[in-house]
Amino acid sequence: MARYFFDVSDADFTTYDYDGTEFLDLNTALDEALRSACEIAADQPQRYTLRNLEVRIRDESRNVVCSCSVKLSVVGHGANKLLTAA
């Protein structure tokens, strides 16, 4: 098992993971990072319609080994008026 650290950021904030979590491998850590990004975006969907939410994964040497991001989009069709947060 290896320890991975998840740093989360968007245009307004960044949080650093100083404790890390042990995972079987990088693919398992990436699955958890994707789940985490989706859960965070689901809590505030309007916030992430116009900006990216990024989760960076660092290894035990604190090097970034991969990242994932989520950006939600809303597309209106026809004469429908949409209300979105700016």
PDB file of N, CA and C in Angstrom:
ATOM      1  N   MET A   1       0.844  -1.177   0.000  1.00  0.00           N
ATOM      2  CA  MET A   1       0.000   0.000   0.000  1.00  0.00           C
ATOM      3  C   MET A   1       0.888   1.238   0.000  1.00  0.00           C
ATOM      4  N   ALA A   2       0.405   2.252  -0.691  1.00  0.00           N
ATOM      5  CA  ALA A   2       1.142   3.515  -0.780  1.00  0.00           C
ATOM      6  C   ALA A   2       0.257   4.648  -0.281  1.00  0.00           C
ATOM      7  N   ARG A   3       0.877   5.688   0.237  1.00  0.00           N
ATOM      8  CA  ARG A   3       0.145   6.850   0.742  1.00  0.00           C
ATOM      9  C   ARG A   3       0.069   7.897  -0.363  1.00  0.00           C
ATOM     10  N   TYR A   4      -1.149   8.418  -0.577  1.00  0.00           N
ATOM     11  CA  TYR A   4      -1.391   9.471  -1.557  1.00  0.00           C
ATOM     12  C   TYR A   4      -2.057  10.643  -0.857  1.00  0.00           C
ATOM     13  N   PHE A   5      -1.805  11.829  -1.385  1.00  0.00           N
ATOM     14  CA  PHE A   5      -2.306  13.072  -0.813  1.00  0.00           C
ATOM     15  C   PHE A   5      -3.162  13.766  -1.869  1.00  0.00           C
ATOM     16  N   PHE A   6      -4.339  14.238  -1.472  1.00  0.00           N
ATOM     17  CA  PHE A   6      -5.271  14.902  -2.387  1.00  0.00           C
ATOM     18  C   PHE A   6      -5.326  16.388  -2.070  1.00  0.00           C
ATOM     19  N   ASP A   7      -4.938  17.216  -3.020  1.00  0.00           N
ATOM     20  CA  ASP A   7      -5.076  18.671  -2.890  1.00  0.00           C
ATOM     21  C   ASP A   7      -6.246  19.096  -3.757  1.00  0.00           C
ATOM     22  N   VAL A   8      -7.126  19.914  -3.209  1.00  0.00           N
ATOM     23  CA  VAL A   8      -8.352  20.324  -3.901  1.00  0.00           C
ATOM     24  C   VAL A   8      -8.308  21.823  -4.128  1.00  0.00           C
ATOM     25  N   SER A   9      -8.659  22.261  -5.352  1.00  0.00           N
ATOM     26  CA  SER A   9      -8.660  23.701  -5.617  1.00  0.00           C
ATOM     27  C   SER A   9      -9.682  24.067  -6.689  1.00  0.00           C
ATOM     28  N   ASP A  10     -10.100  25.324  -6.622  1.00  0.00           N
ATOM     29  CA  ASP A  10     -10.841  25.959  -7.712  1.00  0.00           C
ATOM     30  C   ASP A  10     -10.299  27.379  -7.817  1.00  0.00           C
ATOM     31  N   ALA A  11     -10.999  28.261  -8.482  1.00  0.00           N
ATOM     32  CA  ALA A  11     -10.490  29.621  -8.701  1.00  0.00           C
ATOM     33  C   ALA A  11     -10.365  30.420  -7.407  1.00  0.00           C
ATOM     34  N   ASP A  12     -11.102  30.030  -6.359  1.00  0.00           N
ATOM     35  CA  ASP A  12     -11.132  30.810  -5.123  1.00  0.00           C
ATOM     36  C   ASP A  12     -10.385  30.195  -3.941  1.00  0.00           C
ATOM     37  N   PHE A  13     -10.061  28.923  -3.993  1.00  0.00           N
ATOM     38  CA  PHE A  13      -9.433  28.313  -2.819  1.00  0.00           C
ATOM     39  C   PHE A  13      -8.558  27.123  -3.208  1.00  0.00           C
ATOM     40  N   THR A  14      -7.667  26.770  -2.315  1.00  0.00           N
ATOM     41  CA  THR A  14      -6.879  25.549  -2.414  1.00  0.00           C
ATOM     42  C   THR A  14      -6.744  24.961  -1.016  1.00  0.00           C
ATOM     43  N   THR A  15      -6.965  23.676  -0.912  1.00  0.00           N
ATOM     44  CA  THR A  15      -6.720  22.980   0.344  1.00  0.00           C
ATOM     45  C   THR A  15      -5.681  21.897   0.094  1.00  0.00           C
ATOM     46  N   TYR A  16      -4.784  21.739   1.047  1.00  0.00           N
ATOM     47  CA  TYR A  16      -3.717  20.752   0.937  1.00  0.00           C
ATOM     48  C   TYR A  16      -3.954  19.624   1.920  1.00  0.00           C
ATOM     49  N   ASP A  17      -3.712  18.432   1.468  1.00  0.00           N
ATOM     50  CA  ASP A  17      -3.836  17.239   2.296  1.00  0.00           C
ATOM     51  C   ASP A  17      -2.462  16.950   2.903  1.00  0.00           C
ATOM     52  N   TYR A  18      -2.352  17.128   4.215  1.00  0.00           N
ATOM     53  CA  TYR A  18      -1.075  16.911   4.894  1.00  0.00           C
ATOM     54  C   TYR A  18      -0.963  15.514   5.499  1.00  0.00           C
ATOM     55  N   ASP A  19      -2.092  14.812   5.592  1.00  0.00           N
ATOM     56  CA  ASP A  19      -2.091  13.491   6.216  1.00  0.00           C
ATOM     57  C   ASP A  19      -1.991  12.355   5.209  1.00  0.00           C
ATOM     58  N   GLY A  20      -2.690  12.492   4.096  1.00  0.00           N
ATOM     59  CA  GLY A  20      -2.699  11.439   3.087  1.00  0.00           C
ATOM     60  C   GLY A  20      -3.544  10.252   3.505  1.00  0.00           C
ATOM     61  N   THR A  21      -3.738   9.366   2.561  1.00  0.00           N
ATOM     62  CA  THR A  21      -4.521   8.147   2.764  1.00  0.00           C
ATOM     63  C   THR A  21      -3.823   7.019   2.024  1.00  0.00           C
ATOM     64  N   GLU A  22      -3.838   5.839   2.596  1.00  0.00           N
ATOM     65  CA  GLU A  22      -3.216   4.696   1.939  1.00  0.00           C
ATOM     66  C   GLU A  22      -4.192   4.050   0.966  1.00  0.00           C
ATOM     67  N   PHE A  23      -3.667   3.739  -0.213  1.00  0.00           N
ATOM     68  CA  PHE A  23      -4.432   3.054  -1.246  1.00  0.00           C
ATOM     69  C   PHE A  23      -3.586   1.920  -1.800  1.00  0.00           C
ATOM     70  N   LEU A  24      -4.252   0.951  -2.367  1.00  0.00           N
ATOM     71  CA  LEU A  24      -3.582  -0.204  -2.949  1.00  0.00           C
ATOM     72  C   LEU A  24      -2.623   0.213  -4.061  1.00  0.00           C
ATOM     73  N   ASP A  25      -3.095   1.149  -4.910  1.00  0.00           N
ATOM     74  CA  ASP A  25      -2.280   1.620  -6.027  1.00  0.00           C
ATOM     75  C   ASP A  25      -2.816   2.968  -6.505  1.00  0.00           C
ATOM     76  N   LEU A  26      -2.148   3.539  -7.514  1.00  0.00           N
ATOM     77  CA  LEU A  26      -2.543   4.851  -8.026  1.00  0.00           C
ATOM     78  C   LEU A  26      -3.929   4.819  -8.650  1.00  0.00           C
ATOM     79  N   ASN A  27      -4.291   3.739  -9.322  1.00  0.00           N
ATOM     80  CA  ASN A  27      -5.626   3.669  -9.932  1.00  0.00           C
ATOM     81  C   ASN A  27      -6.721   3.727  -8.880  1.00  0.00           C
ATOM     82  N   THR A  28      -6.502   3.082  -7.750  1.00  0.00           N
ATOM     83  CA  THR A  28      -7.483   3.136  -6.665  1.00  0.00           C
ATOM     84  C   THR A  28      -7.566   4.545  -6.094  1.00  0.00           C
ATOM     85  N   ALA A  29      -6.421   5.211  -5.955  1.00  0.00           N
ATOM     86  CA  ALA A  29      -6.403   6.596  -5.470  1.00  0.00           C
ATOM     87  C   ALA A  29      -7.127   7.510  -6.462  1.00  0.00           C
ATOM     88  N   LEU A  30      -6.919   7.294  -7.754  1.00  0.00           N
ATOM     89  CA  LEU A  30      -7.585   8.114  -8.770  1.00  0.00           C
ATOM     90  C   LEU A  30      -9.094   7.921  -8.716  1.00  0.00           C
ATOM     91  N   ASP A  31      -9.547   6.690  -8.526  1.00  0.00           N
ATOM     92  CA  ASP A  31     -10.992   6.451  -8.389  1.00  0.00           C
ATOM     93  C   ASP A  31     -11.563   7.265  -7.231  1.00  0.00           C
ATOM     94  N   GLU A  32     -10.849   7.286  -6.117  1.00  0.00           N
ATOM     95  CA  GLU A  32     -11.314   8.047  -4.947  1.00  0.00           C
ATOM     96  C   GLU A  32     -11.282   9.552  -5.215  1.00  0.00           C
ATOM     97  N   ALA A  33     -10.255  10.027  -5.928  1.00  0.00           N
ATOM     98  CA  ALA A  33     -10.175  11.452  -6.269  1.00  0.00           C
ATOM     99  C   ALA A  33     -11.345  11.859  -7.157  1.00  0.00           C
ATOM    100  N   LEU A  34     -11.690  11.030  -8.123  1.00  0.00           N
ATOM    101  CA  LEU A  34     -12.834  11.321  -8.996  1.00  0.00           C
ATOM    102  C   LEU A  34     -14.136  11.346  -8.200  1.00  0.00           C
ATOM    103  N   ARG A  35     -14.311  10.371  -7.316  1.00  0.00           N
ATOM    104  CA  ARG A  35     -15.511  10.350  -6.466  1.00  0.00           C
ATOM    105  C   ARG A  35     -15.588  11.601  -5.602  1.00  0.00           C
ATOM    106  N   SER A  36     -14.455  11.977  -5.029  1.00  0.00           N
ATOM    107  CA  SER A  36     -14.414  13.164  -4.165  1.00  0.00           C
ATOM    108  C   SER A  36     -14.774  14.424  -4.947  1.00  0.00           C
ATOM    109  N   ALA A  37     -14.205  14.577  -6.135  1.00  0.00           N
ATOM    110  CA  ALA A  37     -14.498  15.752  -6.960  1.00  0.00           C
ATOM    111  C   ALA A  37     -15.984  15.816  -7.297  1.00  0.00           C
ATOM    112  N   CYS A  38     -16.572  14.683  -7.639  1.00  0.00           N
ATOM    113  CA  CYS A  38     -18.004  14.663  -7.964  1.00  0.00           C
ATOM    114  C   CYS A  38     -18.860  15.007  -6.751  1.00  0.00           C
ATOM    115  N   GLU A  39     -18.488  14.514  -5.580  1.00  0.00           N
ATOM    116  CA  GLU A  39     -19.249  14.816  -4.361  1.00  0.00           C
ATOM    117  C   GLU A  39     -19.167  16.294  -4.008  1.00  0.00           C
ATOM    118  N   ILE A  40     -17.990  16.874  -4.132  1.00  0.00           N
ATOM    119  CA  ILE A  40     -17.828  18.298  -3.836  1.00  0.00           C
ATOM    120  C   ILE A  40     -18.659  19.128  -4.806  1.00  0.00           C
ATOM    121  N   ALA A  41     -18.588  18.810  -6.092  1.00  0.00           N
ATOM    122  CA  ALA A  41     -19.358  19.550  -7.102  1.00  0.00           C
ATOM    123  C   ALA A  41     -20.856  19.364  -6.886  1.00  0.00           C
ATOM    124  N   ALA A  42     -21.260  18.186  -6.449  1.00  0.00           N
ATOM    125  CA  ALA A  42     -22.686  17.929  -6.215  1.00  0.00           C
ATOM    126  C   ALA A  42     -23.224  18.765  -5.061  1.00  0.00           C
ATOM    127  N   ASP A  43     -22.374  19.076  -4.086  1.00  0.00           N
ATOM    128  CA  ASP A  43     -22.808  19.890  -2.951  1.00  0.00           C
ATOM    129  C   ASP A  43     -23.083  21.337  -3.340  1.00  0.00           C
ATOM    130  N   GLN A  44     -22.377  21.842  -4.358  1.00  0.00           N
ATOM    131  CA  GLN A  44     -22.549  23.225  -4.816  1.00  0.00           C
ATOM    132  C   GLN A  44     -22.534  23.265  -6.349  1.00  0.00           C
ATOM    133  N   PRO A  45     -23.527  22.685  -7.004  1.00  0.00           N
ATOM    134  CA  PRO A  45     -23.484  22.582  -8.461  1.00  0.00           C
ATOM    135  C   PRO A  45     -23.411  23.918  -9.195  1.00  0.00           C
ATOM    136  N   GLN A  46     -24.093  24.949  -8.695  1.00  0.00           N
ATOM    137  CA  GLN A  46     -24.047  26.249  -9.381  1.00  0.00           C
ATOM    138  C   GLN A  46     -22.628  26.812  -9.393  1.00  0.00           C
ATOM    139  N   ARG A  47     -21.880  26.566  -8.324  1.00  0.00           N
ATOM    140  CA  ARG A  47     -20.512  27.081  -8.216  1.00  0.00           C
ATOM    141  C   ARG A  47     -19.620  26.523  -9.318  1.00  0.00           C
ATOM    142  N   TYR A  48     -19.875  25.288  -9.721  1.00  0.00           N
ATOM    143  CA  TYR A  48     -18.990  24.632 -10.688  1.00  0.00           C
ATOM    144  C   TYR A  48     -19.547  24.574 -12.107  1.00  0.00           C
ATOM    145  N   THR A  49     -20.531  25.438 -12.407  1.00  0.00           N
ATOM    146  CA  THR A  49     -20.999  25.515 -13.786  1.00  0.00           C
ATOM    147  C   THR A  49     -20.082  26.386 -14.638  1.00  0.00           C
ATOM    148  N   LEU A  50     -19.319  27.250 -14.013  1.00  0.00           N
ATOM    149  CA  LEU A  50     -18.452  28.153 -14.775  1.00  0.00           C
ATOM    150  C   LEU A  50     -16.983  28.048 -14.377  1.00  0.00           C
ATOM    151  N   ARG A  51     -16.646  27.129 -13.510  1.00  0.00           N
ATOM    152  CA  ARG A  51     -15.250  26.998 -13.074  1.00  0.00           C
ATOM    153  C   ARG A  51     -14.911  25.535 -12.838  1.00  0.00           C
ATOM    154  N   ASN A  52     -13.633  25.242 -12.948  1.00  0.00           N
ATOM    155  CA  ASN A  52     -13.145  23.881 -12.715  1.00  0.00           C
ATOM    156  C   ASN A  52     -12.893  23.643 -11.236  1.00  0.00           C
ATOM    157  N   LEU A  53     -13.158  22.450 -10.815  1.00  0.00           N
ATOM    158  CA  LEU A  53     -12.748  21.949  -9.512  1.00  0.00           C
ATOM    159  C   LEU A  53     -11.678  20.902  -9.810  1.00  0.00           C
ATOM    160  N   GLU A  54     -10.505  21.057  -9.236  1.00  0.00           N
ATOM    161  CA  GLU A  54      -9.401  20.144  -9.533  1.00  0.00           C
ATOM    162  C   GLU A  54      -8.954  19.420  -8.266  1.00  0.00           C
ATOM    163  N   VAL A  55      -8.697  18.142  -8.416  1.00  0.00           N
ATOM    164  CA  VAL A  55      -8.097  17.344  -7.357  1.00  0.00           C
ATOM    165  C   VAL A  55      -6.759  16.829  -7.887  1.00  0.00           C
ATOM    166  N   ARG A  56      -5.676  17.246  -7.219  1.00  0.00           N
ATOM    167  CA  ARG A  56      -4.337  16.784  -7.589  1.00  0.00           C
ATOM    168  C   ARG A  56      -3.921  15.684  -6.626  1.00  0.00           C
ATOM    169  N   ILE A  57      -3.331  14.646  -7.160  1.00  0.00           N
ATOM    170  CA  ILE A  57      -2.863  13.534  -6.336  1.00  0.00           C
ATOM    171  C   ILE A  57      -1.343  13.592  -6.263  1.00  0.00           C
ATOM    172  N   ARG A  58      -0.829  13.630  -5.017  1.00  0.00           N
ATOM    173  CA  ARG A  58       0.617  13.588  -4.794  1.00  0.00           C
ATOM    174  C   ARG A  58       0.984  12.242  -4.187  1.00  0.00           C
ATOM    175  N   ASP A  59       2.183  11.776  -4.506  1.00  0.00           N
ATOM    176  CA  ASP A  59       2.659  10.516  -3.952  1.00  0.00           C
ATOM    177  C   ASP A  59       3.410  10.757  -2.646  1.00  0.00           C
ATOM    178  N   GLU A  60       4.009   9.711  -2.103  1.00  0.00           N
ATOM    179  CA  GLU A  60       4.703   9.812  -0.821  1.00  0.00           C
ATOM    180  C   GLU A  60       5.885  10.777  -0.862  1.00  0.00           C
ATOM    181  N   SER A  61       6.429  11.016  -2.072  1.00  0.00           N
ATOM    182  CA  SER A  61       7.521  11.989  -2.229  1.00  0.00           C
ATOM    183  C   SER A  61       6.991  13.403  -2.404  1.00  0.00           C
ATOM    184  N   ARG A  62       5.663  13.545  -2.339  1.00  0.00           N
ATOM    185  CA  ARG A  62       4.948  14.821  -2.477  1.00  0.00           C
ATOM    186  C   ARG A  62       4.976  15.353  -3.911  1.00  0.00           C
ATOM    187  N   ASN A  63       5.281  14.487  -4.878  1.00  0.00           N
ATOM    188  CA  ASN A  63       5.244  14.870  -6.287  1.00  0.00           C
ATOM    189  C   ASN A  63       3.835  14.643  -6.832  1.00  0.00           C
ATOM    190  N   VAL A  64       3.338  15.581  -7.638  1.00  0.00           N
ATOM    191  CA  VAL A  64       2.031  15.401  -8.276  1.00  0.00           C
ATOM    192  C   VAL A  64       2.170  14.307  -9.323  1.00  0.00           C
ATOM    193  N   VAL A  65       1.343  13.269  -9.184  1.00  0.00           N
ATOM    194  CA  VAL A  65       1.414  12.149 -10.118  1.00  0.00           C
ATOM    195  C   VAL A  65       0.247  12.138 -11.099  1.00  0.00           C
ATOM    196  N   CYS A  66      -0.857  12.772 -10.744  1.00  0.00           N
ATOM    197  CA  CYS A  66      -1.967  12.943 -11.683  1.00  0.00           C
ATOM    198  C   CYS A  66      -2.982  13.898 -11.073  1.00  0.00           C
ATOM    199  N   SER A  67      -3.925  14.308 -11.885  1.00  0.00           N
ATOM    200  CA  SER A  67      -4.985  15.183 -11.402  1.00  0.00           C
ATOM    201  C   SER A  67      -6.256  14.891 -12.178  1.00  0.00           C
ATOM    202  N   CYS A  68      -7.358  15.269 -11.592  1.00  0.00           N
ATOM    203  CA  CYS A  68      -8.645  15.164 -12.274  1.00  0.00           C
ATOM    204  C   CYS A  68      -9.411  16.448 -12.007  1.00  0.00           C
ATOM    205  N   SER A  69     -10.317  16.765 -12.897  1.00  0.00           N
ATOM    206  CA  SER A  69     -11.097  17.986 -12.703  1.00  0.00           C
ATOM    207  C   SER A  69     -12.545  17.754 -13.120  1.00  0.00           C
ATOM    208  N   VAL A  70     -13.398  18.597 -12.560  1.00  0.00           N
ATOM    209  CA  VAL A  70     -14.826  18.546 -12.848  1.00  0.00           C
ATOM    210  C   VAL A  70     -15.270  19.952 -13.181  1.00  0.00           C
ATOM    211  N   LYS A  71     -16.024  20.089 -14.254  1.00  0.00           N
ATOM    212  CA  LYS A  71     -16.673  21.357 -14.589  1.00  0.00           C
ATOM    213  C   LYS A  71     -18.052  21.000 -15.125  1.00  0.00           C
ATOM    214  N   LEU A  72     -19.055  21.531 -14.487  1.00  0.00           N
ATOM    215  CA  LEU A  72     -20.424  21.278 -14.916  1.00  0.00           C
ATOM    216  C   LEU A  72     -20.818  22.304 -15.967  1.00  0.00           C
ATOM    217  N   SER A  73     -21.740  21.938 -16.836  1.00  0.00           N
ATOM    218  CA  SER A  73     -22.201  22.900 -17.832  1.00  0.00           C
ATOM    219  C   SER A  73     -23.714  22.823 -17.951  1.00  0.00           C
ATOM    220  N   VAL A  74     -24.283  23.952 -18.322  1.00  0.00           N
ATOM    221  CA  VAL A  74     -25.716  24.062 -18.544  1.00  0.00           C
ATOM    222  C   VAL A  74     -25.900  24.639 -19.940  1.00  0.00           C
ATOM    223  N   VAL A  75     -26.727  23.980 -20.739  1.00  0.00           N
ATOM    224  CA  VAL A  75     -26.978  24.443 -22.102  1.00  0.00           C
ATOM    225  C   VAL A  75     -28.484  24.574 -22.282  1.00  0.00           C
ATOM    226  N   GLY A  76     -28.926  25.781 -22.639  1.00  0.00           N
ATOM    227  CA  GLY A  76     -30.342  25.997 -22.910  1.00  0.00           C
ATOM    228  C   GLY A  76     -30.635  25.723 -24.381  1.00  0.00           C
ATOM    229  N   HIS A  77     -31.793  25.192 -24.643  1.00  0.00           N
ATOM    230  CA  HIS A  77     -32.196  24.897 -26.021  1.00  0.00           C
ATOM    231  C   HIS A  77     -33.519  25.597 -26.317  1.00  0.00           C
ATOM    232  N   GLY A  78     -33.630  26.120 -27.506  1.00  0.00           N
ATOM    233  CA  GLY A  78     -34.867  26.783 -27.889  1.00  0.00           C
ATOM    234  C   GLY A  78     -35.038  28.100 -27.177  1.00  0.00           C
ATOM    235  N   ALA A  79     -36.268  28.442 -26.857  1.00  0.00           N
ATOM    236  CA  ALA A  79     -36.584  29.727 -26.246  1.00  0.00           C
ATOM    237  C   ALA A  79     -36.525  29.684 -24.723  1.00  0.00           C
ATOM    238  N   ASN A  80     -36.070  28.581 -24.150  1.00  0.00           N
ATOM    239  CA  ASN A  80     -36.021  28.471 -22.688  1.00  0.00           C
ATOM    240  C   ASN A  80     -35.019  29.446 -22.110  1.00  0.00           C
ATOM    241  N   LYS A  81     -35.415  30.128 -21.064  1.00  0.00           N
ATOM    242  CA  LYS A  81     -34.524  31.034 -20.317  1.00  0.00           C
ATOM    243  C   LYS A  81     -33.987  30.262 -19.115  1.00  0.00           C
ATOM    244  N   LEU A  82     -32.707  30.358 -18.922  1.00  0.00           N
ATOM    245  CA  LEU A  82     -32.075  29.645 -17.808  1.00  0.00           C
ATOM    246  C   LEU A  82     -31.554  30.657 -16.793  1.00  0.00           C
ATOM    247  N   LEU A  83     -31.690  30.325 -15.531  1.00  0.00           N
ATOM    248  CA  LEU A  83     -31.120  31.113 -14.468  1.00  0.00           C
ATOM    249  C   LEU A  83     -29.902  30.376 -13.952  1.00  0.00           C
ATOM    250  N   THR A  84     -28.731  31.020 -13.999  1.00  0.00           N
ATOM    251  CA  THR A  84     -27.518  30.394 -13.483  1.00  0.00           C
ATOM    252  C   THR A  84     -26.800  31.387 -12.610  1.00  0.00           C
ATOM    253  N   ALA A  85     -26.042  30.868 -11.682  1.00  0.00           N
ATOM    254  CA  ALA A  85     -25.229  31.745 -10.833  1.00  0.00           C
ATOM    255  C   ALA A  85     -24.056  32.255 -11.613  1.00  0.00           C
ATOM    256  N   ALA A  86     -23.726  33.500 -11.421  1.00  0.00           N
ATOM    257  CA  ALA A  86     -22.578  34.078 -12.123  1.00  0.00           C
ATOM    258  C   ALA A  86     -21.330  33.907 -11.317  1.00  0.00           C
TER     259      ALA A  86
END
